[in-house]
PDB file of N, CA and C in Angstrom:
ATOM      1  N   UNK A   1      84.291 -98.450 -72.109  1.00  0.00           N
ATOM      2  CA  UNK A   1      82.739 -98.819 -72.478  1.00  0.00           C
ATOM      3  C   UNK A   1      83.063-100.258 -73.050  1.00  0.00           C
ATOM      4  N   UNK A   2      83.951-100.689 -73.710  1.00  0.00           N
ATOM      5  CA  UNK A   2      83.918-102.017 -74.366  1.00  0.00           C
ATOM      6  C   UNK A   2      83.616-102.997 -73.668  1.00  0.00           C
ATOM      7  N   UNK A   3      84.027-102.926 -72.176  1.00  0.00           N
ATOM      8  CA  UNK A   3      83.842-103.881 -71.183  1.00  0.00           C
ATOM      9  C   UNK A   3      82.634-103.906 -70.252  1.00  0.00           C
ATOM     10  N   UNK A   4      81.465-103.054 -70.597  1.00  0.00           N
ATOM     11  CA  UNK A   4      80.581-102.314 -70.102  1.00  0.00           C
ATOM     12  C   UNK A   4      79.494-103.588 -69.963  1.00  0.00           C
ATOM     13  N   UNK A   5      78.900-103.585 -69.088  1.00  0.00           N
ATOM     14  CA  UNK A   5      77.786-104.778 -68.836  1.00  0.00           C
ATOM     15  C   UNK A   5      76.340-104.135 -68.946  1.00  0.00           C
ATOM     16  N   UNK A   6      75.292-104.368 -69.456  1.00  0.00           N
ATOM     17  CA  UNK A   6      73.907-104.081 -69.301  1.00  0.00           C
ATOM     18  C   UNK A   6      73.225-104.727 -69.260  1.00  0.00           C
ATOM     19  N   UNK A   7      72.370-104.870 -67.898  1.00  0.00           N
ATOM     20  CA  UNK A   7      71.305-105.830 -67.521  1.00  0.00           C
ATOM     21  C   UNK A   7      69.887-105.164 -67.995  1.00  0.00           C
ATOM     22  N   UNK A   8      69.350-105.834 -68.912  1.00  0.00           N
ATOM     23  CA  UNK A   8      67.807-105.755 -69.031  1.00  0.00           C
ATOM     24  C   UNK A   8      66.928-106.364 -68.621  1.00  0.00           C
ATOM     25  N   UNK A   9      65.838-105.646 -67.953  1.00  0.00           N
ATOM     26  CA  UNK A   9      64.635-106.817 -67.079  1.00  0.00           C
ATOM     27  C   UNK A   9      63.779-106.542 -68.336  1.00  0.00           C
ATOM     28  N   UNK A  10      63.195-107.815 -68.538  1.00  0.00           N
ATOM     29  CA  UNK A  10      61.928-107.984 -69.178  1.00  0.00           C
ATOM     30  C   UNK A  10      60.890-108.420 -68.351  1.00  0.00           C
ATOM     31  N   UNK A  11      59.916-107.632 -67.856  1.00  0.00           N
ATOM     32  CA  UNK A  11      58.305-107.776 -67.481  1.00  0.00           C
ATOM     33  C   UNK A  11      58.110-109.176 -67.659  1.00  0.00           C
ATOM     34  N   UNK A  12      58.120-109.647 -68.403  1.00  0.00           N
ATOM     35  CA  UNK A  12      57.186-110.691 -69.168  1.00  0.00           C
ATOM     36  C   UNK A  12      57.650-112.180 -68.029  1.00  0.00           C
ATOM     37  N   UNK A  13      56.958-112.626 -67.556  1.00  0.00           N
ATOM     38  CA  UNK A  13      57.380-114.504 -67.322  1.00  0.00           C
ATOM     39  C   UNK A  13      58.241-114.983 -67.820  1.00  0.00           C
ATOM     40  N   UNK A  14      59.277-115.541 -67.606  1.00  0.00           N
ATOM     41  CA  UNK A  14      60.092-116.899 -68.180  1.00  0.00           C
ATOM     42  C   UNK A  14      60.571-117.552 -67.790  1.00  0.00           C
ATOM     43  N   UNK A  15      60.586-118.883 -68.389  1.00  0.00           N
ATOM     44  CA  UNK A  15      60.845-120.146 -67.653  1.00  0.00           C
ATOM     45  C   UNK A  15      62.574-119.907 -67.291  1.00  0.00           C
ATOM     46  N   UNK A  16      63.275-119.275 -68.497  1.00  0.00           N
ATOM     47  CA  UNK A  16      64.666-119.391 -68.394  1.00  0.00           C
ATOM     48  C   UNK A  16      65.251-117.961 -69.033  1.00  0.00           C
ATOM     49  N   UNK A  17      66.235-117.549 -68.136  1.00  0.00           N
ATOM     50  CA  UNK A  17      66.704-116.081 -68.663  1.00  0.00           C
ATOM     51  C   UNK A  17      67.237-116.292 -69.985  1.00  0.00           C
ATOM     52  N   UNK A  18      67.412-115.621 -70.743  1.00  0.00           N
ATOM     53  CA  UNK A  18      68.061-115.227 -72.263  1.00  0.00           C
ATOM     54  C   UNK A  18      69.428-114.660 -71.962  1.00  0.00           C
ATOM     55  N   UNK A  19      70.617-115.090 -72.343  1.00  0.00           N
ATOM     56  CA  UNK A  19      71.254-114.430 -72.680  1.00  0.00           C
ATOM     57  C   UNK A  19      71.911-113.856 -74.036  1.00  0.00           C
ATOM     58  N   UNK A  20      71.739-112.316 -74.142  1.00  0.00           N
ATOM     59  CA  UNK A  20      71.834-111.877 -75.508  1.00  0.00           C
ATOM     60  C   UNK A  20      73.039-111.028 -75.828  1.00  0.00           C
ATOM     61  N   UNK A  21      73.637-111.357 -76.596  1.00  0.00           N
ATOM     62  CA  UNK A  21      74.914-110.174 -76.893  1.00  0.00           C
ATOM     63  C   UNK A  21      74.722-108.705 -77.420  1.00  0.00           C
ATOM     64  N   UNK A  22      75.077-107.871 -76.930  1.00  0.00           N
ATOM     65  CA  UNK A  22      75.322-106.429 -77.410  1.00  0.00           C
ATOM     66  C   UNK A  22      75.676-106.419 -79.048  1.00  0.00           C
ATOM     67  N   UNK A  23      75.089-105.924 -79.585  1.00  0.00           N
ATOM     68  CA  UNK A  23      75.118-105.663 -81.290  1.00  0.00           C
ATOM     69  C   UNK A  23      76.740-104.919 -81.419  1.00  0.00           C
ATOM     70  N   UNK A  24      77.540-105.055 -81.852  1.00  0.00           N
ATOM     71  CA  UNK A  24      78.781-104.465 -82.315  1.00  0.00           C
ATOM     72  C   UNK A  24      78.538-103.356 -82.722  1.00  0.00           C
ATOM     73  N   UNK A  25      79.295-102.047 -82.054  1.00  0.00           N
ATOM     74  CA  UNK A  25      79.348-100.485 -82.209  1.00  0.00           C
ATOM     75  C   UNK A  25      79.649-100.499 -83.651  1.00  0.00           C
ATOM     76  N   UNK A  26      78.857 -99.552 -84.473  1.00  0.00           N
ATOM     77  CA  UNK A  26      79.155 -98.961 -85.460  1.00  0.00           C
ATOM     78  C   UNK A  26      80.434 -98.086 -85.258  1.00  0.00           C
ATOM     79  N   UNK A  27      81.193 -98.238 -86.431  1.00  0.00           N
ATOM     80  CA  UNK A  27      82.296 -97.518 -86.641  1.00  0.00           C
ATOM     81  C   UNK A  27      81.998 -96.052 -87.095  1.00  0.00           C
ATOM     82  N   UNK A  28      80.874 -95.823 -87.401  1.00  0.00           N
ATOM     83  CA  UNK A  28      80.435 -94.247 -87.608  1.00  0.00           C
ATOM     84  C   UNK A  28      78.813 -94.205 -87.863  1.00  0.00           C
ATOM     85  N   UNK A  29      78.516 -92.884 -87.511  1.00  0.00           N
ATOM     86  CA  UNK A  29      76.888 -92.714 -87.729  1.00  0.00           C
ATOM     87  C   UNK A  29      76.481 -92.163 -89.287  1.00  0.00           C
ATOM     88  N   UNK A  30      77.571 -91.402 -89.939  1.00  0.00           N
ATOM     89  CA  UNK A  30      77.641 -91.201 -90.776  1.00  0.00           C
ATOM     90  C   UNK A  30      76.862 -91.848 -92.020  1.00  0.00           C
ATOM     91  N   UNK A  31      75.765 -91.328 -92.401  1.00  0.00           N
ATOM     92  CA  UNK A  31      75.011 -91.710 -93.982  1.00  0.00           C
ATOM     93  C   UNK A  31      74.417 -93.161 -93.295  1.00  0.00           C
ATOM     94  N   UNK A  32      74.356 -93.440 -91.762  1.00  0.00           N
ATOM     95  CA  UNK A  32      73.493 -94.608 -91.453  1.00  0.00           C
ATOM     96  C   UNK A  32      71.973 -94.580 -92.262  1.00  0.00           C
ATOM     97  N   UNK A  33      71.698 -95.724 -92.189  1.00  0.00           N
ATOM     98  CA  UNK A  33      70.212 -95.911 -92.511  1.00  0.00           C
ATOM     99  C   UNK A  33      69.749 -96.089 -90.881  1.00  0.00           C
ATOM    100  N   UNK A  34      68.800 -95.105 -90.802  1.00  0.00           N
ATOM    101  CA  UNK A  34      68.394 -94.954 -89.032  1.00  0.00           C
ATOM    102  C   UNK A  34      66.858 -95.641 -89.086  1.00  0.00           C
ATOM    103  N   UNK A  35      66.351 -96.545 -88.303  1.00  0.00           N
ATOM    104  CA  UNK A  35      64.756 -96.866 -88.250  1.00  0.00           C
ATOM    105  C   UNK A  35      64.605 -96.437 -86.737  1.00  0.00           C
ATOM    106  N   UNK A  36      63.443 -95.832 -87.009  1.00  0.00           N
ATOM    107  CA  UNK A  36      62.818 -95.520 -85.592  1.00  0.00           C
ATOM    108  C   UNK A  36      61.425 -95.891 -85.430  1.00  0.00           C
ATOM    109  N   UNK A  37      61.002 -96.660 -84.296  1.00  0.00           N
ATOM    110  CA  UNK A  37      59.948 -96.929 -83.639  1.00  0.00           C
ATOM    111  C   UNK A  37      59.450 -96.465 -82.433  1.00  0.00           C
ATOM    112  N   UNK A  38      58.427 -95.849 -82.901  1.00  0.00           N
ATOM    113  CA  UNK A  38      57.624 -94.852 -81.947  1.00  0.00           C
ATOM    114  C   UNK A  38      56.460 -95.816 -81.222  1.00  0.00           C
ATOM    115  N   UNK A  39      56.705 -95.799 -79.752  1.00  0.00           N
ATOM    116  CA  UNK A  39      55.670 -97.058 -78.981  1.00  0.00           C
ATOM    117  C   UNK A  39      54.398 -96.112 -78.734  1.00  0.00           C
ATOM    118  N   UNK A  40      54.316 -94.885 -79.167  1.00  0.00           N
ATOM    119  CA  UNK A  40      52.938 -94.067 -78.973  1.00  0.00           C
ATOM    120  C   UNK A  40      52.554 -93.685 -77.850  1.00  0.00           C
ATOM    121  N   UNK A  41      53.492 -93.839 -76.950  1.00  0.00           N
ATOM    122  CA  UNK A  41      53.103 -93.052 -75.734  1.00  0.00           C
ATOM    123  C   UNK A  41      53.192 -91.653 -75.781  1.00  0.00           C
ATOM    124  N   UNK A  42      52.761 -91.141 -74.590  1.00  0.00           N
ATOM    125  CA  UNK A  42      52.871 -89.675 -74.311  1.00  0.00           C
ATOM    126  C   UNK A  42      54.333 -89.009 -74.596  1.00  0.00           C
ATOM    127  N   UNK A  43      54.600 -88.268 -75.516  1.00  0.00           N
ATOM    128  CA  UNK A  43      55.796 -87.445 -75.618  1.00  0.00           C
ATOM    129  C   UNK A  43      56.796 -88.366 -76.122  1.00  0.00           C
ATOM    130  N   UNK A  44      56.607 -89.409 -76.658  1.00  0.00           N
ATOM    131  CA  UNK A  44      57.555 -90.324 -77.562  1.00  0.00           C
ATOM    132  C   UNK A  44      57.890 -89.677 -79.014  1.00  0.00           C
ATOM    133  N   UNK A  45      56.990 -89.215 -79.747  1.00  0.00           N
ATOM    134  CA  UNK A  45      56.962 -88.471 -80.898  1.00  0.00           C
ATOM    135  C   UNK A  45      58.090 -87.536 -81.015  1.00  0.00           C
ATOM    136  N   UNK A  46      57.613 -86.658 -79.769  1.00  0.00           N
ATOM    137  CA  UNK A  46      58.487 -85.309 -79.793  1.00  0.00           C
ATOM    138  C   UNK A  46      60.223 -85.708 -79.806  1.00  0.00           C
ATOM    139  N   UNK A  47      60.192 -86.706 -78.711  1.00  0.00           N
ATOM    140  CA  UNK A  47      61.208 -87.451 -77.982  1.00  0.00           C
ATOM    141  C   UNK A  47      62.317 -87.738 -79.067  1.00  0.00           C
ATOM    142  N   UNK A  48      61.520 -88.771 -80.072  1.00  0.00           N
ATOM    143  CA  UNK A  48      62.015 -89.351 -81.012  1.00  0.00           C
ATOM    144  C   UNK A  48      62.795 -88.296 -82.238  1.00  0.00           C
ATOM    145  N   UNK A  49      61.739 -87.051 -82.481  1.00  0.00           N
ATOM    146  CA  UNK A  49      61.851 -86.153 -83.317  1.00  0.00           C
ATOM    147  C   UNK A  49      63.258 -85.176 -83.085  1.00  0.00           C
ATOM    148  N   UNK A  50      63.384 -85.058 -81.432  1.00  0.00           N
ATOM    149  CA  UNK A  50      64.985 -84.731 -81.118  1.00  0.00           C
ATOM    150  C   UNK A  50      65.734 -85.527 -81.640  1.00  0.00           C
ATOM    151  N   UNK A  51      66.009 -86.857 -80.959  1.00  0.00           N
ATOM    152  CA  UNK A  51      66.954 -87.671 -81.333  1.00  0.00           C
ATOM    153  C   UNK A  51      67.374 -87.839 -82.625  1.00  0.00           C
ATOM    154  N   UNK A  52      66.203 -87.942 -83.561  1.00  0.00           N
ATOM    155  CA  UNK A  52      66.681 -88.117 -84.972  1.00  0.00           C
ATOM    156  C   UNK A  52      67.283 -86.592 -85.358  1.00  0.00           C
ATOM    157  N   UNK A  53      67.124 -85.412 -84.884  1.00  0.00           N
ATOM    158  CA  UNK A  53      67.516 -84.084 -85.380  1.00  0.00           C
ATOM    159  C   UNK A  53      68.559 -84.332 -84.884  1.00  0.00           C
ATOM    160  N   UNK A  54      69.144 -84.781 -83.702  1.00  0.00           N
ATOM    161  CA  UNK A  54      70.708 -84.393 -83.111  1.00  0.00           C
ATOM    162  C   UNK A  54      71.261 -85.508 -83.871  1.00  0.00           C
ATOM    163  N   UNK A  55      71.171 -86.709 -84.561  1.00  0.00           N
ATOM    164  CA  UNK A  55      71.456 -87.959 -85.151  1.00  0.00           C
ATOM    165  C   UNK A  55      71.998 -87.250 -86.846  1.00  0.00           C
ATOM    166  N   UNK A  56      70.828 -86.799 -87.083  1.00  0.00           N
ATOM    167  CA  UNK A  56      70.940 -86.224 -88.482  1.00  0.00           C
ATOM    168  C   UNK A  56      72.151 -84.943 -88.427  1.00  0.00           C
ATOM    169  N   UNK A  57      72.090 -83.863 -87.526  1.00  0.00           N
ATOM    170  CA  UNK A  57      72.906 -82.865 -87.506  1.00  0.00           C
ATOM    171  C   UNK A  57      74.004 -82.783 -86.982  1.00  0.00           C
ATOM    172  N   UNK A  58      74.297 -83.563 -86.052  1.00  0.00           N
ATOM    173  CA  UNK A  58      75.473 -83.788 -85.396  1.00  0.00           C
ATOM    174  C   UNK A  58      76.505 -84.912 -85.907  1.00  0.00           C
ATOM    175  N   UNK A  59      75.605 -85.990 -86.360  1.00  0.00           N
ATOM    176  CA  UNK A  59      76.437 -87.396 -87.091  1.00  0.00           C
ATOM    177  C   UNK A  59      76.264 -87.517 -88.348  1.00  0.00           C
ATOM    178  N   UNK A  60      75.367 -87.180 -89.328  1.00  0.00           N
ATOM    179  CA  UNK A  60      75.262 -87.284 -90.516  1.00  0.00           C
ATOM    180  C   UNK A  60      74.039 -88.580 -90.557  1.00  0.00           C
ATOM    181  N   UNK A  61      73.475 -88.630 -89.759  1.00  0.00           N
ATOM    182  CA  UNK A  61      72.424 -90.204 -90.000  1.00  0.00           C
ATOM    183  C   UNK A  61      71.609 -89.733 -90.718  1.00  0.00           C
ATOM    184  N   UNK A  62      70.912 -90.650 -91.229  1.00  0.00           N
ATOM    185  CA  UNK A  62      70.071 -90.236 -92.179  1.00  0.00           C
ATOM    186  C   UNK A  62      68.731 -91.470 -91.783  1.00  0.00           C
ATOM    187  N   UNK A  63      67.416 -90.747 -91.543  1.00  0.00           N
ATOM    188  CA  UNK A  63      66.555 -91.641 -91.345  1.00  0.00           C
ATOM    189  C   UNK A  63      65.737 -92.343 -92.372  1.00  0.00           C
ATOM    190  N   UNK A  64      65.830 -93.724 -92.252  1.00  0.00           N
ATOM    191  CA  UNK A  64      65.382 -94.546 -93.273  1.00  0.00           C
ATOM    192  C   UNK A  64      63.599 -95.084 -93.016  1.00  0.00           C
ATOM    193  N   UNK A  65      63.790 -95.302 -91.825  1.00  0.00           N
ATOM    194  CA  UNK A  65      62.100 -95.931 -91.600  1.00  0.00           C
ATOM    195  C   UNK A  65      61.680 -95.399 -90.817  1.00  0.00           C
ATOM    196  N   UNK A  66      60.412 -95.396 -90.226  1.00  0.00           N
ATOM    197  CA  UNK A  66      59.666 -95.010 -89.312  1.00  0.00           C
ATOM    198  C   UNK A  66      58.584 -95.938 -89.088  1.00  0.00           C
ATOM    199  N   UNK A  67      58.312 -96.436 -87.820  1.00  0.00           N
ATOM    200  CA  UNK A  67      57.034 -97.127 -87.576  1.00  0.00           C
ATOM    201  C   UNK A  67      56.183 -96.398 -86.049  1.00  0.00           C
ATOM    202  N   UNK A  68      55.215 -96.284 -85.970  1.00  0.00           N
ATOM    203  CA  UNK A  68      54.420 -96.175 -85.247  1.00  0.00           C
ATOM    204  C   UNK A  68      53.448 -96.884 -84.347  1.00  0.00           C
ATOM    205  N   UNK A  69      53.665 -97.405 -83.444  1.00  0.00           N
ATOM    206  CA  UNK A  69      52.731 -98.551 -82.921  1.00  0.00           C
ATOM    207  C   UNK A  69      51.231 -97.874 -82.498  1.00  0.00           C
ATOM    208  N   UNK A  70      50.140 -98.373 -83.078  1.00  0.00           N
ATOM    209  CA  UNK A  70      48.918 -98.471 -82.537  1.00  0.00           C
ATOM    210  C   UNK A  70      48.420 -98.222 -81.358  1.00  0.00           C
ATOM    211  N   UNK A  71      49.396 -99.268 -80.562  1.00  0.00           N
ATOM    212  CA  UNK A  71      49.008 -99.167 -78.945  1.00  0.00           C
ATOM    213  C   UNK A  71      50.248 -99.375 -78.234  1.00  0.00           C
ATOM    214  N   UNK A  72      51.202 -98.855 -77.184  1.00  0.00           N
ATOM    215  CA  UNK A  72      52.024 -99.268 -76.754  1.00  0.00           C
ATOM    216  C   UNK A  72      52.086-100.742 -76.058  1.00  0.00           C
ATOM    217  N   UNK A  73      50.879-100.930 -75.662  1.00  0.00           N
ATOM    218  CA  UNK A  73      50.986-102.562 -75.007  1.00  0.00           C
ATOM    219  C   UNK A  73      51.040-103.686 -76.123  1.00  0.00           C
ATOM    220  N   UNK A  74      51.163-103.481 -77.471  1.00  0.00           N
ATOM    221  CA  UNK A  74      51.407-104.508 -78.303  1.00  0.00           C
ATOM    222  C   UNK A  74      52.729-104.748 -78.910  1.00  0.00           C
ATOM    223  N   UNK A  75      53.300-105.570 -79.007  1.00  0.00           N
ATOM    224  CA  UNK A  75      54.384-105.671 -80.003  1.00  0.00           C
ATOM    225  C   UNK A  75      54.108-105.180 -81.190  1.00  0.00           C
ATOM    226  N   UNK A  76      55.727-104.727 -81.600  1.00  0.00           N
ATOM    227  CA  UNK A  76      55.906-104.395 -83.031  1.00  0.00           C
ATOM    228  C   UNK A  76      55.545-105.696 -83.685  1.00  0.00           C
ATOM    229  N   UNK A  77      54.852-105.756 -84.966  1.00  0.00           N
ATOM    230  CA  UNK A  77      54.449-106.816 -85.674  1.00  0.00           C
ATOM    231  C   UNK A  77      55.973-107.686 -86.101  1.00  0.00           C
ATOM    232  N   UNK A  78      55.889-108.791 -86.335  1.00  0.00           N
ATOM    233  CA  UNK A  78      57.389-109.649 -86.693  1.00  0.00           C
ATOM    234  C   UNK A  78      57.616-108.952 -87.934  1.00  0.00           C
ATOM    235  N   UNK A  79      57.028-109.180 -88.934  1.00  0.00           N
ATOM    236  CA  UNK A  79      57.047-108.468 -90.593  1.00  0.00           C
ATOM    237  C   UNK A  79      57.936-107.005 -90.478  1.00  0.00           C
ATOM    238  N   UNK A  80      56.971-106.300 -89.590  1.00  0.00           N
ATOM    239  CA  UNK A  80      57.881-104.611 -89.189  1.00  0.00           C
ATOM    240  C   UNK A  80      58.809-105.185 -88.837  1.00  0.00           C
ATOM    241  N   UNK A  81      59.272-105.860 -88.001  1.00  0.00           N
ATOM    242  CA  UNK A  81      60.666-105.917 -87.616  1.00  0.00           C
ATOM    243  C   UNK A  81      61.637-106.562 -88.511  1.00  0.00           C
ATOM    244  N   UNK A  82      61.304-107.344 -89.308  1.00  0.00           N
ATOM    245  CA  UNK A  82      62.158-108.132 -89.982  1.00  0.00           C
ATOM    246  C   UNK A  82      62.529-106.991 -91.272  1.00  0.00           C
ATOM    247  N   UNK A  83      61.685-106.241 -91.507  1.00  0.00           N
ATOM    248  CA  UNK A  83      61.868-105.118 -92.428  1.00  0.00           C
ATOM    249  C   UNK A  83      63.121-104.015 -91.907  1.00  0.00           C
ATOM    250  N   UNK A  84      62.707-103.940 -90.672  1.00  0.00           N
ATOM    251  CA  UNK A  84      63.879-103.186 -89.967  1.00  0.00           C
ATOM    252  C   UNK A  84      65.437-103.441 -89.914  1.00  0.00           C
ATOM    253  N   UNK A  85      65.287-104.731 -89.543  1.00  0.00           N
ATOM    254  CA  UNK A  85      66.581-105.646 -89.498  1.00  0.00           C
ATOM    255  C   UNK A  85      67.007-105.674 -91.202  1.00  0.00           C
ATOM    256  N   UNK A  86      66.452-105.934 -91.758  1.00  0.00           N
ATOM    257  CA  UNK A  86      66.958-106.078 -93.273  1.00  0.00           C
ATOM    258  C   UNK A  86      67.530-104.898 -93.971  1.00  0.00           C
ATOM    259  N   UNK A  87      66.781-103.982 -93.396  1.00  0.00           N
ATOM    260  CA  UNK A  87      67.241-102.327 -94.032  1.00  0.00           C
ATOM    261  C   UNK A  87      67.882-100.937 -93.189  1.00  0.00           C
ATOM    262  N   UNK A  88      67.992-101.461 -92.168  1.00  0.00           N
ATOM    263  CA  UNK A  88      68.394-100.008 -91.290  1.00  0.00           C
ATOM    264  C   UNK A  88      69.826-101.079 -91.014  1.00  0.00           C
ATOM    265  N   UNK A  89      70.514 -99.764 -90.541  1.00  0.00           N
ATOM    266  CA  UNK A  89      71.607-100.430 -89.736  1.00  0.00           C
ATOM    267  C   UNK A  89      71.865 -99.878 -88.074  1.00  0.00           C
ATOM    268  N   UNK A  90      70.781 -99.218 -87.923  1.00  0.00           N
ATOM    269  CA  UNK A  90      70.702 -98.859 -86.508  1.00  0.00           C
ATOM    270  C   UNK A  90      69.029 -98.669 -86.016  1.00  0.00           C
ATOM    271  N   UNK A  91      68.865 -98.978 -84.921  1.00  0.00           N
ATOM    272  CA  UNK A  91      67.400 -98.688 -84.763  1.00  0.00           C
ATOM    273  C   UNK A  91      66.960 -97.920 -83.417  1.00  0.00           C
ATOM    274  N   UNK A  92      66.496 -97.170 -83.053  1.00  0.00           N
ATOM    275  CA  UNK A  92      65.834 -95.983 -82.138  1.00  0.00           C
ATOM    276  C   UNK A  92      64.200 -96.955 -81.796  1.00  0.00           C
ATOM    277  N   UNK A  93      64.059 -97.635 -80.615  1.00  0.00           N
ATOM    278  CA  UNK A  93      62.611 -97.907 -79.992  1.00  0.00           C
ATOM    279  C   UNK A  93      62.414 -96.731 -79.096  1.00  0.00           C
ATOM    280  N   UNK A  94      61.313 -95.780 -79.076  1.00  0.00           N
ATOM    281  CA  UNK A  94      61.293 -94.875 -78.409  1.00  0.00           C
ATOM    282  C   UNK A  94      60.250 -95.122 -77.144  1.00  0.00           C
ATOM    283  N   UNK A  95      60.285 -94.831 -75.844  1.00  0.00           N
ATOM    284  CA  UNK A  95      59.519 -94.823 -74.833  1.00  0.00           C
ATOM    285  C   UNK A  95      59.592 -93.675 -73.946  1.00  0.00           C
ATOM    286  N   UNK A  96      58.280 -93.368 -73.927  1.00  0.00           N
ATOM    287  CA  UNK A  96      58.204 -91.787 -73.116  1.00  0.00           C
ATOM    288  C   UNK A  96      56.904 -91.953 -72.649  1.00  0.00           C
ATOM    289  N   UNK A  97      56.773 -91.081 -71.492  1.00  0.00           N
ATOM    290  CA  UNK A  97      55.556 -90.674 -70.592  1.00  0.00           C
ATOM    291  C   UNK A  97      55.641 -88.924 -70.327  1.00  0.00           C
TER     292      UNK A  97
END
């Protein structure tokens, strides 16, 4: 898994492709501060609740922050992302339909 490659496709038009390194793997999920961003699509909330429950009960993570977008087509505000970055160890951004 350490040498895995992940290709992320962004549907937005770009002049030049960006190379972004994946974040380092956390040594443990025990007591991590978990952030959850719900994109507000149909079934995103139940999916994220199920994932949160599994991370809490199986791995000892704790939900620290939640944010629900008003509309799936708009980006999460930069100030909200900055709050997640500064106070969460890991973030789940849910997409569902």
